[in-house]
Amino acid sequence: MRDGIWSVEPAADLVPGDIVKLTLGSVAPADVRIDHGSVQLDQSMLTGESMPIEAEVGNEAFTGAQVCRGEAVGEVTATGPNTRFGRTAELVRAAHVTSTQQKAVLRVVLYLASINGGLAALLIGYAWYIQLPFSEIIPLALIAILASIPVALPATFTLAAAVGAQALGKSGVLPTRLSAVDEAASMNVLCVDKTGTLTKRELAVAAVIPFEQQSEPDVLMWARLASSDGGLDPVDAAVRSAAARCSFAAIPRRAQFIPFDPKVKMAEATVIDHRGANLCVVKGAFAYILAIAKSSPDVSAKAAALETEGFRVLGVAIGTAGSLRMIRLLALSDPPRPEAAGCLAKLNSMGVRW
């Protein structure tokens, strides 16, 4: 907003204090403190986490975060290299660790220098012992010192690394730098980013836990009714994808749908069943659904067990507006890539811990 008028401006022209609007599908052009509204943000490019977060008034949206849902207005607090993303990029660029190859070269040079230095000292001492002229001892000492410096050693290591990179290239591996060849060969522990590297970076329904003799297709049908028909919400997209693989005999007609509200952590739909009765279907965070719906005593235990295994647990409840009962749980996860298991098994067989 400039002079009270909304306009589209290049992100490079933003300055701290500008008022910007974050809408569905847009990317935060700078670090923005939210003053009005609420949005769901995908910050995986900065944090590596596949799960989006809810940002409300007072929270901050960092540069590069994608808006998955909602709309908000906020004030720019930092731009360019002063943003959280800019500082992170600078830390990565400036980070330097002595490579294994550099340590090996230094170690060999120290060993050779110690041995050659000792031999040079003995040679000079012997020349002094046999009383050579001082004018001859000085050139002899210089020659011995110069000969003890392995000037060709770094070039030899570089050549060896280049030959190794060529061999890896024939095997379909492209080293980004020569030192990576030696680093990979001397690796003991591998630390990688999970999201998008070992996993697909997309949510999927991993398990469906029905209650009250509900079948899995029935569970997904009710959850689908309490989900949006489109959009970028990863939870609704996961439910739609799982429901698409099932066939339903008769689907109740949805009369009204209230999208996910980050304040109450749930979405709600009003449906009309085959008898013409109105039913309320609610889907959302398990703790919030548990607070408004009746459930059996073992529901919390099953939800806690799923959360311990790393799943994101959703509760789905149906009934009337004043009398809801929880009939099902959905466990969401970020599934691993198909090739991840084989890659990790091969690394483990090579003695690499992960």
Protein backbone atom coordinates (compact mmCIF):
# COMPACT_ATOMS: atom_id res chain seq x y z
CA MET A 1 0.00 0.00 0.00
CA ARG A 2 1.46 3.30 -1.12
CA ASP A 3 -0.34 6.61 -0.43
CA GLY A 4 -3.46 4.69 0.62
CA ILE A 5 -3.69 2.77 -2.68
CA TRP A 6 -2.98 -0.94 -3.23
CA SER A 7 -0.65 -1.62 -6.14
CA VAL A 8 1.65 -4.40 -7.37
CA GLU A 9 5.29 -3.43 -6.85
CA PRO A 10 8.60 -5.33 -7.36
CA ALA A 11 9.83 -6.97 -4.18
CA ALA A 12 13.18 -5.22 -4.65
CA ASP A 13 11.45 -1.86 -4.11
CA LEU A 14 10.10 -2.74 -0.67
CA VAL A 15 11.49 -0.98 2.39
CA PRO A 16 10.90 -1.56 6.13
CA GLY A 17 7.62 0.03 7.15
CA ASP A 18 5.76 -0.76 3.91
CA ILE A 19 2.31 -2.32 4.26
CA VAL A 20 1.82 -5.46 2.15
CA LYS A 21 -0.99 -7.95 1.64
CA LEU A 22 -0.40 -11.72 1.69
CA THR A 23 -3.00 -13.69 -0.27
CA LEU A 24 -3.56 -17.33 -1.24
CA GLY A 25 -0.80 -18.60 -3.54
CA SER A 26 1.49 -15.60 -3.05
CA VAL A 27 5.01 -15.65 -1.61
CA ALA A 28 6.13 -13.37 1.20
CA PRO A 29 8.41 -10.80 -0.50
CA ALA A 30 10.13 -9.80 2.76
CA ASP A 31 9.91 -10.47 6.49
CA VAL A 32 6.39 -9.29 7.37
CA ARG A 33 4.81 -8.85 10.82
CA ILE A 34 1.10 -9.63 10.51
CA ASP A 35 -1.20 -6.87 11.76
CA HIS A 36 -4.58 -8.10 10.43
CA GLY A 37 -5.95 -11.48 9.36
CA SER A 38 -4.40 -14.94 9.49
CA VAL A 39 -2.66 -17.18 6.95
CA GLN A 40 -1.26 -20.67 6.70
CA LEU A 41 2.39 -20.57 5.60
CA ASP A 42 4.59 -23.18 3.94
CA GLN A 43 8.09 -22.32 5.21
CA SER A 44 9.77 -25.56 4.09
CA MET A 45 12.27 -23.64 1.94
CA LEU A 46 13.63 -22.07 5.14
CA THR A 47 12.92 -24.59 7.90
CA GLY A 48 12.74 -27.85 5.93
CA GLU A 49 9.45 -28.81 7.58
CA SER A 50 6.71 -30.11 5.29
CA MET A 51 3.94 -29.14 7.72
CA PRO A 52 2.63 -25.58 7.19
CA ILE A 53 2.17 -23.28 10.17
CA GLU A 54 -0.61 -20.94 11.17
CA ALA A 55 0.39 -17.28 11.39
CA GLU A 56 -1.96 -14.84 13.09
CA VAL A 57 -1.78 -11.24 14.33
CA GLY A 58 1.63 -10.62 15.89
CA ASN A 59 3.34 -13.51 14.10
CA GLU A 60 5.94 -13.03 11.39
CA ALA A 61 5.97 -14.37 7.84
CA PHE A 62 9.52 -14.88 6.61
CA THR A 63 10.77 -14.15 3.11
CA GLY A 64 9.95 -16.91 0.63
CA ALA A 65 7.12 -18.44 2.68
CA GLN A 66 4.19 -19.51 0.48
CA VAL A 67 0.67 -18.64 1.55
CA CYS A 68 -1.41 -21.85 1.48
CA ARG A 69 -4.61 -20.41 2.94
CA GLY A 70 -6.13 -17.19 4.19
CA GLU A 71 -5.29 -13.53 3.75
CA ALA A 72 -3.40 -11.09 5.93
CA VAL A 73 -2.04 -7.56 5.96
CA GLY A 74 1.26 -6.77 7.64
CA GLU A 75 4.22 -4.44 7.94
CA VAL A 76 7.59 -5.14 6.35
CA THR A 77 10.22 -5.51 9.08
CA ALA A 78 13.29 -6.50 7.03
CA THR A 79 14.31 -6.81 3.38
CA GLY A 80 17.13 -8.35 1.35
CA PRO A 81 20.13 -9.64 3.31
CA ASN A 82 18.58 -8.44 6.60
CA THR A 83 15.74 -10.96 6.38
CA ARG A 84 15.84 -14.33 8.14
CA PHE A 85 16.34 -16.04 4.78
CA GLY A 86 19.07 -13.56 3.78
CA ARG A 87 21.00 -14.09 7.02
CA THR A 88 20.68 -17.86 6.66
CA ALA A 89 21.98 -17.73 3.08
CA GLU A 90 24.95 -15.60 4.20
CA LEU A 91 25.79 -18.05 7.00
CA VAL A 92 25.76 -20.92 4.52
CA ARG A 93 27.91 -18.97 2.06
CA ALA A 94 30.47 -17.94 4.67
CA ALA A 95 30.64 -21.31 6.44
CA HIS A 96 34.00 -23.03 5.95
CA VAL A 97 35.24 -26.28 7.37
CA THR A 98 38.73 -27.68 6.81
CA SER A 99 38.28 -30.65 4.49
CA THR A 100 39.72 -34.09 5.10
CA GLN A 101 41.99 -33.61 2.09
CA GLN A 102 43.42 -30.40 3.54
CA LYS A 103 44.04 -32.13 6.85
CA ALA A 104 45.77 -35.04 5.07
CA VAL A 105 48.03 -32.72 3.07
CA LEU A 106 48.95 -30.76 6.20
CA ARG A 107 49.68 -33.97 8.10
CA VAL A 108 51.93 -35.34 5.32
CA VAL A 109 53.73 -31.99 5.00
CA LEU A 110 54.42 -31.92 8.74
CA TYR A 111 55.81 -35.47 8.68
CA LEU A 112 58.01 -34.77 5.66
CA ALA A 113 59.15 -31.44 7.04
CA SER A 114 60.14 -33.09 10.34
CA ILE A 115 62.10 -35.86 8.63
CA ASN A 116 63.71 -33.62 6.01
CA GLY A 117 64.44 -30.95 8.60
CA GLY A 118 66.26 -33.51 10.73
CA LEU A 119 68.28 -34.75 7.75
CA ALA A 120 69.14 -31.18 6.73
CA ALA A 121 70.32 -30.42 10.27
CA LEU A 122 72.53 -33.53 10.24
CA LEU A 123 73.95 -32.57 6.85
CA ILE A 124 74.78 -29.05 7.94
CA GLY A 125 76.27 -30.33 11.19
CA TYR A 126 78.45 -32.80 9.34
CA ALA A 127 79.63 -30.08 6.96
CA TRP A 128 80.57 -27.94 9.95
CA TYR A 129 82.29 -30.95 11.53
CA ILE A 130 84.53 -31.55 8.52
CA GLN A 131 85.27 -27.81 8.49
CA LEU A 132 83.89 -26.88 5.08
CA PRO A 133 84.21 -23.20 4.26
CA PHE A 134 81.33 -21.07 5.46
CA SER A 135 80.73 -19.89 1.90
CA GLU A 136 79.96 -23.51 0.93
CA ILE A 137 77.86 -24.35 3.98
CA ILE A 138 75.36 -21.56 3.27
CA PRO A 139 74.41 -22.78 -0.27
CA LEU A 140 74.30 -26.36 1.04
CA ALA A 141 71.91 -25.35 3.82
CA LEU A 142 69.65 -23.47 1.38
CA ILE A 143 69.53 -26.43 -0.99
CA ALA A 144 68.68 -28.83 1.88
CA ILE A 145 65.88 -26.57 3.15
CA LEU A 146 64.35 -26.07 -0.31
CA ALA A 147 64.57 -29.78 -1.04
CA SER A 148 62.64 -30.57 2.17
CA ILE A 149 59.54 -28.58 1.03
CA PRO A 150 57.08 -30.86 -0.91
CA VAL A 151 55.87 -28.20 -3.36
CA ALA A 152 54.34 -30.76 -5.73
CA LEU A 153 52.29 -32.50 -3.04
CA PRO A 154 49.11 -30.32 -3.33
CA ALA A 155 49.13 -30.76 -7.11
CA THR A 156 49.38 -34.52 -6.63
CA PHE A 157 46.33 -34.58 -4.34
CA THR A 158 44.38 -32.40 -6.80
CA LEU A 159 45.24 -34.72 -9.66
CA ALA A 160 44.17 -37.76 -7.61
CA ALA A 161 40.84 -36.06 -6.78
CA ALA A 162 40.27 -35.22 -10.46
CA VAL A 163 40.87 -38.86 -11.44
CA GLY A 164 38.39 -39.94 -8.72
CA ALA A 165 35.78 -37.44 -9.95
CA GLN A 166 36.19 -38.79 -13.48
CA ALA A 167 35.62 -42.33 -12.25
CA LEU A 168 32.49 -41.24 -10.33
CA GLY A 169 31.22 -39.44 -13.42
CA LYS A 170 31.31 -42.71 -15.36
CA SER A 171 29.14 -44.21 -12.61
CA GLY A 172 26.51 -41.48 -12.91
CA VAL A 173 27.69 -39.36 -9.97
CA LEU A 174 28.43 -35.65 -10.51
CA PRO A 175 30.71 -34.20 -7.78
CA THR A 176 30.05 -30.49 -7.25
CA ARG A 177 33.66 -29.91 -6.12
CA LEU A 178 36.86 -31.99 -6.11
CA SER A 179 37.10 -32.09 -2.32
CA ALA A 180 33.69 -33.85 -2.22
CA VAL A 181 35.30 -37.03 -3.57
CA ASP A 182 37.58 -37.35 -0.56
CA GLU A 183 34.87 -36.18 1.84
CA ALA A 184 32.49 -38.91 0.67
CA ALA A 185 35.21 -41.55 0.96
CA SER A 186 36.03 -40.57 4.56
CA MET A 187 32.40 -40.14 5.73
CA ASN A 188 31.36 -41.87 8.97
CA VAL A 189 28.06 -40.13 9.80
CA LEU A 190 25.57 -38.79 7.24
CA CYS A 191 23.21 -35.97 8.27
CA VAL A 192 20.60 -35.00 5.66
CA ASP A 193 17.47 -32.89 5.53
CA LYS A 194 14.49 -35.26 5.73
CA THR A 195 11.78 -33.20 4.04
CA GLY A 196 12.04 -33.36 0.26
CA THR A 197 15.27 -35.37 0.43
CA LEU A 198 14.19 -38.63 2.04
CA THR A 199 10.46 -37.85 1.83
CA LYS A 200 8.12 -36.67 -0.93
CA ARG A 201 7.40 -33.34 0.82
CA GLU A 202 3.66 -33.89 0.63
CA LEU A 203 1.14 -35.03 3.22
CA ALA A 204 -0.72 -38.32 2.78
CA VAL A 205 -3.22 -40.28 4.84
CA ALA A 206 -1.11 -43.02 6.39
CA ALA A 207 -3.72 -44.67 8.62
CA VAL A 208 -7.46 -44.52 9.24
CA ILE A 209 -8.76 -45.56 12.66
CA PRO A 210 -12.56 -45.96 12.62
CA PHE A 211 -14.88 -46.35 15.61
CA GLU A 212 -18.52 -47.45 15.99
CA GLN A 213 -18.25 -50.11 13.23
CA GLN A 214 -17.33 -47.53 10.64
CA SER A 215 -15.47 -48.82 7.57
CA GLU A 216 -12.42 -47.05 6.13
CA PRO A 217 -14.35 -45.78 3.05
CA ASP A 218 -17.01 -44.36 5.39
CA VAL A 219 -14.31 -42.59 7.40
CA LEU A 220 -12.82 -41.02 4.29
CA MET A 221 -16.25 -40.06 2.96
CA TRP A 222 -17.11 -38.03 6.07
CA ALA A 223 -13.62 -36.50 6.17
CA ARG A 224 -13.96 -35.57 2.48
CA LEU A 225 -17.25 -33.78 3.14
CA ALA A 226 -15.45 -31.63 5.74
CA SER A 227 -12.67 -30.74 3.28
CA SER A 228 -12.46 -28.09 0.59
CA ASP A 229 -12.96 -29.07 -3.06
CA GLY A 230 -9.73 -27.40 -4.13
CA GLY A 231 -6.97 -25.07 -3.01
CA LEU A 232 -3.50 -25.51 -1.57
CA ASP A 233 -4.40 -26.74 1.92
CA PRO A 234 -2.12 -29.82 2.31
CA VAL A 235 -4.43 -31.55 4.81
CA ASP A 236 -7.51 -31.22 2.58
CA ALA A 237 -5.43 -32.29 -0.44
CA ALA A 238 -4.31 -35.44 1.42
CA VAL A 239 -7.91 -36.29 2.37
CA ARG A 240 -9.14 -35.70 -1.21
CA SER A 241 -6.39 -37.95 -2.59
CA ALA A 242 -7.19 -40.77 -0.15
CA ALA A 243 -10.95 -40.49 -0.74
CA ALA A 244 -10.45 -40.61 -4.52
CA ARG A 245 -9.18 -44.18 -4.19
CA CYS A 246 -12.44 -45.34 -2.56
CA SER A 247 -15.90 -45.89 -3.96
CA PHE A 248 -18.95 -44.75 -2.02
CA ALA A 249 -22.46 -46.15 -2.34
CA ALA A 250 -24.30 -42.96 -1.38
CA ILE A 251 -22.68 -39.65 -0.49
CA PRO A 252 -24.68 -37.15 1.59
CA ARG A 253 -25.25 -33.79 -0.05
CA ARG A 254 -23.21 -30.96 1.40
CA ALA A 255 -25.38 -27.92 2.08
CA GLN A 256 -22.79 -25.64 3.69
CA PHE A 257 -19.04 -25.66 4.18
CA ILE A 258 -16.93 -23.54 6.53
CA PRO A 259 -13.21 -23.71 5.63
CA PHE A 260 -10.53 -24.43 8.19
CA ASP A 261 -10.32 -21.68 10.78
CA PRO A 262 -6.87 -21.39 12.43
CA LYS A 263 -8.45 -19.96 15.58
CA VAL A 264 -10.53 -23.07 16.29
CA LYS A 265 -8.26 -25.49 14.34
CA MET A 266 -11.11 -27.17 12.46
CA ALA A 267 -13.30 -27.16 9.34
CA GLU A 268 -17.06 -27.73 9.43
CA ALA A 269 -19.70 -28.87 6.96
CA THR A 270 -23.47 -29.24 7.12
CA VAL A 271 -24.72 -32.21 5.10
CA ILE A 272 -28.09 -33.77 4.33
CA ASP A 273 -28.18 -37.56 4.56
CA HIS A 274 -30.38 -39.95 2.55
CA ARG A 275 -33.20 -39.56 5.13
CA GLY A 276 -33.22 -35.79 4.69
CA ALA A 277 -31.76 -35.10 8.15
CA ASN A 278 -29.18 -32.37 8.68
CA LEU A 279 -25.86 -33.51 10.09
CA CYS A 280 -22.83 -31.53 11.18
CA VAL A 281 -19.41 -32.92 10.17
CA VAL A 282 -16.29 -31.48 11.82
CA LYS A 283 -12.64 -32.25 10.95
CA GLY A 284 -9.62 -30.75 12.68
CA ALA A 285 -6.82 -31.06 15.20
CA PHE A 286 -7.50 -33.99 17.53
CA ALA A 287 -7.24 -31.99 20.77
CA TYR A 288 -9.81 -29.44 19.57
CA ILE A 289 -12.25 -32.07 18.27
CA LEU A 290 -11.91 -34.00 21.54
CA ALA A 291 -12.94 -30.89 23.46
CA ILE A 292 -16.29 -30.53 21.64
CA ALA A 293 -17.23 -34.13 20.83
CA LYS A 294 -18.04 -37.25 22.83
CA SER A 295 -15.65 -40.15 22.45
CA SER A 296 -14.80 -43.56 23.85
CA PRO A 297 -12.13 -43.81 26.58
CA ASP A 298 -9.54 -45.45 24.31
CA VAL A 299 -9.58 -42.69 21.67
CA SER A 300 -7.01 -40.53 23.47
CA ALA A 301 -4.70 -43.52 23.98
CA LYS A 302 -4.81 -44.40 20.27
CA ALA A 303 -4.20 -40.78 19.29
CA ALA A 304 -1.24 -40.53 21.68
CA ALA A 305 0.23 -43.74 20.25
CA LEU A 306 -0.01 -42.34 16.70
CA GLU A 307 1.56 -39.03 17.71
CA THR A 308 4.43 -40.91 19.38
CA GLU A 309 5.12 -42.58 16.02
CA GLY A 310 5.41 -39.14 14.38
CA PHE A 311 1.98 -38.88 12.75
CA ARG A 312 -0.18 -35.79 12.67
CA VAL A 313 -3.54 -36.88 14.09
CA LEU A 314 -6.87 -35.44 13.00
CA GLY A 315 -10.24 -36.09 14.57
CA VAL A 316 -13.52 -36.32 12.64
CA ALA A 317 -16.87 -35.99 14.42
CA ILE A 318 -20.47 -36.06 13.22
CA GLY A 319 -23.84 -35.30 14.80
CA THR A 320 -25.91 -32.24 15.41
CA ALA A 321 -24.47 -28.84 16.24
CA GLY A 322 -24.93 -29.39 19.97
CA SER A 323 -24.22 -33.12 20.13
CA LEU A 324 -21.15 -34.31 18.25
CA ARG A 325 -19.48 -37.69 18.64
CA MET A 326 -16.00 -38.56 17.47
CA ILE A 327 -16.14 -41.61 15.23
CA ARG A 328 -12.76 -41.65 13.53
CA LEU A 329 -9.10 -40.62 13.54
CA LEU A 330 -6.89 -39.84 10.56
CA ALA A 331 -3.10 -40.15 10.77
CA LEU A 332 -1.16 -37.99 8.30
CA SER A 333 2.50 -38.32 7.42
CA ASP A 334 5.04 -37.20 4.84
CA PRO A 335 5.76 -40.54 3.06
CA PRO A 336 9.35 -41.46 2.15
CA ARG A 337 10.59 -41.52 -1.43
CA PRO A 338 10.58 -44.98 -3.05
CA GLU A 339 14.37 -44.92 -3.48
CA ALA A 340 15.13 -43.73 0.08
CA ALA A 341 15.09 -47.18 1.71
CA GLY A 342 17.52 -48.69 -0.81
CA CYS A 343 19.86 -45.71 -0.57
CA LEU A 344 19.97 -45.82 3.23
CA ALA A 345 20.48 -49.61 3.23
CA LYS A 346 23.43 -49.24 0.85
CA LEU A 347 24.97 -46.52 3.01
CA ASN A 348 24.50 -48.66 6.09
CA SER A 349 26.28 -51.59 4.38
CA MET A 350 29.21 -49.24 3.68
CA GLY A 351 29.57 -48.43 7.38
CA VAL A 352 27.91 -45.00 7.26
CA ARG A 353 25.65 -44.18 10.22
CA TRP A 354 22.54 -42.05 9.71
